Amino acid sequence: MMSRARRGGRRFRIALAWIAAVLWAFPLLYMLLTSFKAEADAVPPSLWILHPTLQNYRIVLQQQILHYLEDSAIISVTTVAICILVGVPTSHIIVFGRLKRADNLLFWFLSTTLLPPVAMTIPVFLLFRVLGLLDALGE
């Protein structure tokens, strides 16, 4: 049997987890509810939907969203395939191979994890612009 203190601590952790889940899910719920509002009703923030409408979804579906989704799927699948084709043999060599300067390589791996991903956004964008890869799939 659990003691009262343990049960109280467990209940507290469960309540804390529920509060965290609600705080995490609230923006998603708010965006979903706002998507069913007309443009005039969405401007003053509120949770209540006075006149629900599907007009926003009609507008999105009349545009070329399927084309954009297809482009995103092609890019995602291609990126994953390239990462797997390059990453699996490389990781096999790093783990099982004999490298002359393994300490330097492992230090480089560790140091790159300290770099925030946002810091690479502008250099990658500039590289894509120089290589002509911006909006290249949509043409």
Protein backbone atom coordinates (compact mmCIF):
# COMPACT_ATOMS: atom_id res chain seq x y z
CA MET A 1 0.00 0.00 0.00
CA MET A 2 1.10 3.53 -0.71
CA SER A 3 1.44 5.94 2.14
CA ARG A 4 -0.64 9.13 2.19
CA ALA A 5 2.41 11.25 1.44
CA ARG A 6 3.27 9.16 -1.63
CA ARG A 7 -0.33 9.26 -2.87
CA GLY A 8 -0.44 13.02 -2.36
CA GLY A 9 2.82 13.46 -4.25
CA ARG A 10 1.54 11.26 -7.07
CA ARG A 11 -1.72 13.22 -7.28
CA PHE A 12 0.23 16.46 -7.33
CA ARG A 13 2.39 15.23 -10.22
CA ILE A 14 -0.70 14.09 -12.13
CA ALA A 15 -2.41 17.46 -11.55
CA LEU A 16 0.76 19.24 -12.65
CA ALA A 17 0.90 17.10 -15.81
CA TRP A 18 -2.74 17.95 -16.60
CA ILE A 19 -2.08 21.66 -16.12
CA ALA A 20 0.96 21.46 -18.41
CA ALA A 21 -1.06 19.55 -21.03
CA VAL A 22 -3.87 22.13 -20.97
CA LEU A 23 -1.39 25.00 -21.25
CA TRP A 24 0.32 23.23 -24.15
CA ALA A 25 -2.95 22.44 -25.96
CA PHE A 26 -4.65 25.81 -25.43
CA PRO A 27 -2.99 27.64 -28.39
CA LEU A 28 -3.84 24.72 -30.68
CA LEU A 29 -7.47 24.74 -29.53
CA TYR A 30 -7.63 28.52 -29.92
CA MET A 31 -6.29 28.32 -33.50
CA LEU A 32 -8.78 25.58 -34.35
CA LEU A 33 -11.70 27.55 -32.94
CA THR A 34 -10.56 30.73 -34.70
CA SER A 35 -10.46 28.88 -38.03
CA PHE A 36 -14.25 28.45 -37.83
CA LYS A 37 -14.86 32.18 -37.31
CA ALA A 38 -15.53 34.75 -39.99
CA GLU A 39 -12.77 37.33 -40.47
CA ALA A 40 -14.75 40.03 -38.67
CA ASP A 41 -15.39 37.74 -35.67
CA ALA A 42 -11.73 36.69 -35.37
CA VAL A 43 -10.35 40.18 -34.75
CA PRO A 44 -11.47 40.68 -31.14
CA PRO A 45 -9.96 37.64 -29.40
CA SER A 46 -12.54 35.35 -27.81
CA LEU A 47 -13.10 31.64 -27.38
CA TRP A 48 -16.77 31.73 -28.34
CA ILE A 49 -17.89 31.12 -31.91
CA LEU A 50 -21.05 33.12 -32.52
CA HIS A 51 -21.46 32.36 -36.23
CA PRO A 52 -19.41 29.29 -37.27
CA THR A 53 -18.39 29.15 -40.90
CA LEU A 54 -16.41 26.91 -43.23
CA GLN A 55 -15.59 29.79 -45.59
CA ASN A 56 -11.93 29.86 -44.51
CA TYR A 57 -11.52 26.21 -45.46
CA ARG A 58 -13.26 26.77 -48.81
CA ILE A 59 -10.84 29.60 -49.62
CA VAL A 60 -7.81 27.47 -48.75
CA LEU A 61 -9.04 24.47 -50.74
CA GLN A 62 -9.83 26.61 -53.80
CA GLN A 63 -6.21 27.73 -53.89
CA GLN A 64 -3.49 25.35 -55.00
CA ILE A 65 -2.92 23.82 -51.57
CA LEU A 66 -2.59 20.30 -52.96
CA HIS A 67 0.26 21.49 -55.16
CA TYR A 68 2.02 22.96 -52.12
CA LEU A 69 1.42 19.80 -50.08
CA GLU A 70 2.84 17.72 -52.93
CA ASP A 71 5.95 19.93 -53.05
CA SER A 72 6.38 19.60 -49.27
CA ALA A 73 6.03 15.82 -49.44
CA ILE A 74 8.61 15.56 -52.25
CA ILE A 75 11.10 17.71 -50.33
CA SER A 76 10.52 15.83 -47.06
CA VAL A 77 10.89 12.36 -48.56
CA THR A 78 13.96 13.39 -50.55
CA THR A 79 15.59 14.96 -47.48
CA VAL A 80 14.94 11.88 -45.34
CA ALA A 81 16.27 9.57 -48.06
CA ILE A 82 19.48 11.61 -48.45
CA CYS A 83 19.99 11.75 -44.68
CA ILE A 84 19.57 7.98 -44.38
CA LEU A 85 21.81 7.24 -47.38
CA VAL A 86 24.57 9.46 -46.00
CA GLY A 87 24.02 8.98 -42.26
CA VAL A 88 23.85 5.19 -41.97
CA PRO A 89 27.21 4.41 -43.65
CA THR A 90 28.85 7.37 -41.90
CA SER A 91 27.62 6.34 -38.47
CA HIS A 92 28.74 2.76 -39.16
CA ILE A 93 32.25 3.98 -39.98
CA ILE A 94 32.36 6.22 -36.91
CA VAL A 95 31.20 3.46 -34.56
CA PHE A 96 32.98 0.41 -35.98
CA GLY A 97 35.81 1.86 -38.06
CA ARG A 98 39.26 2.87 -36.97
CA LEU A 99 39.70 6.60 -37.30
CA LYS A 100 43.06 8.33 -36.93
CA ARG A 101 41.73 11.43 -35.19
CA ALA A 102 38.58 10.14 -33.54
CA ASP A 103 38.90 12.57 -30.61
CA ASN A 104 38.85 15.59 -32.93
CA LEU A 105 35.85 14.23 -34.81
CA LEU A 106 33.90 13.50 -31.64
CA PHE A 107 34.74 16.96 -30.28
CA TRP A 108 33.46 18.49 -33.52
CA PHE A 109 30.19 16.54 -33.19
CA LEU A 110 29.80 17.71 -29.60
CA SER A 111 30.60 21.33 -30.38
CA THR A 112 28.08 21.49 -33.25
CA THR A 113 25.30 20.42 -30.87
CA LEU A 114 26.02 23.58 -28.84
CA LEU A 115 25.24 25.78 -31.86
CA PRO A 116 21.58 26.91 -31.88
CA PRO A 117 19.81 25.73 -35.05
CA VAL A 118 18.48 29.26 -35.62
CA ALA A 119 22.04 30.47 -36.05
CA MET A 120 22.29 28.37 -39.22
CA THR A 121 19.14 29.79 -40.84
CA ILE A 122 20.71 32.79 -42.57
CA PRO A 123 23.81 30.93 -43.89
CA VAL A 124 21.63 28.12 -45.27
CA PHE A 125 19.29 30.66 -46.87
CA LEU A 126 22.23 32.47 -48.48
CA LEU A 127 23.64 29.15 -49.72
CA PHE A 128 20.28 28.20 -51.24
CA ARG A 129 20.05 31.63 -52.91
CA VAL A 130 23.54 31.35 -54.41
CA LEU A 131 22.82 27.82 -55.68
CA GLY A 132 19.44 28.91 -57.12
CA LEU A 133 17.43 26.50 -54.98
CA LEU A 134 14.89 29.00 -53.63
CA ASP A 135 11.43 28.18 -55.01
CA ALA A 136 13.06 25.81 -57.50
CA LEU A 137 10.58 22.95 -57.03
CA GLY A 138 7.48 25.04 -57.69
CA GLU A 139 8.49 25.90 -61.25
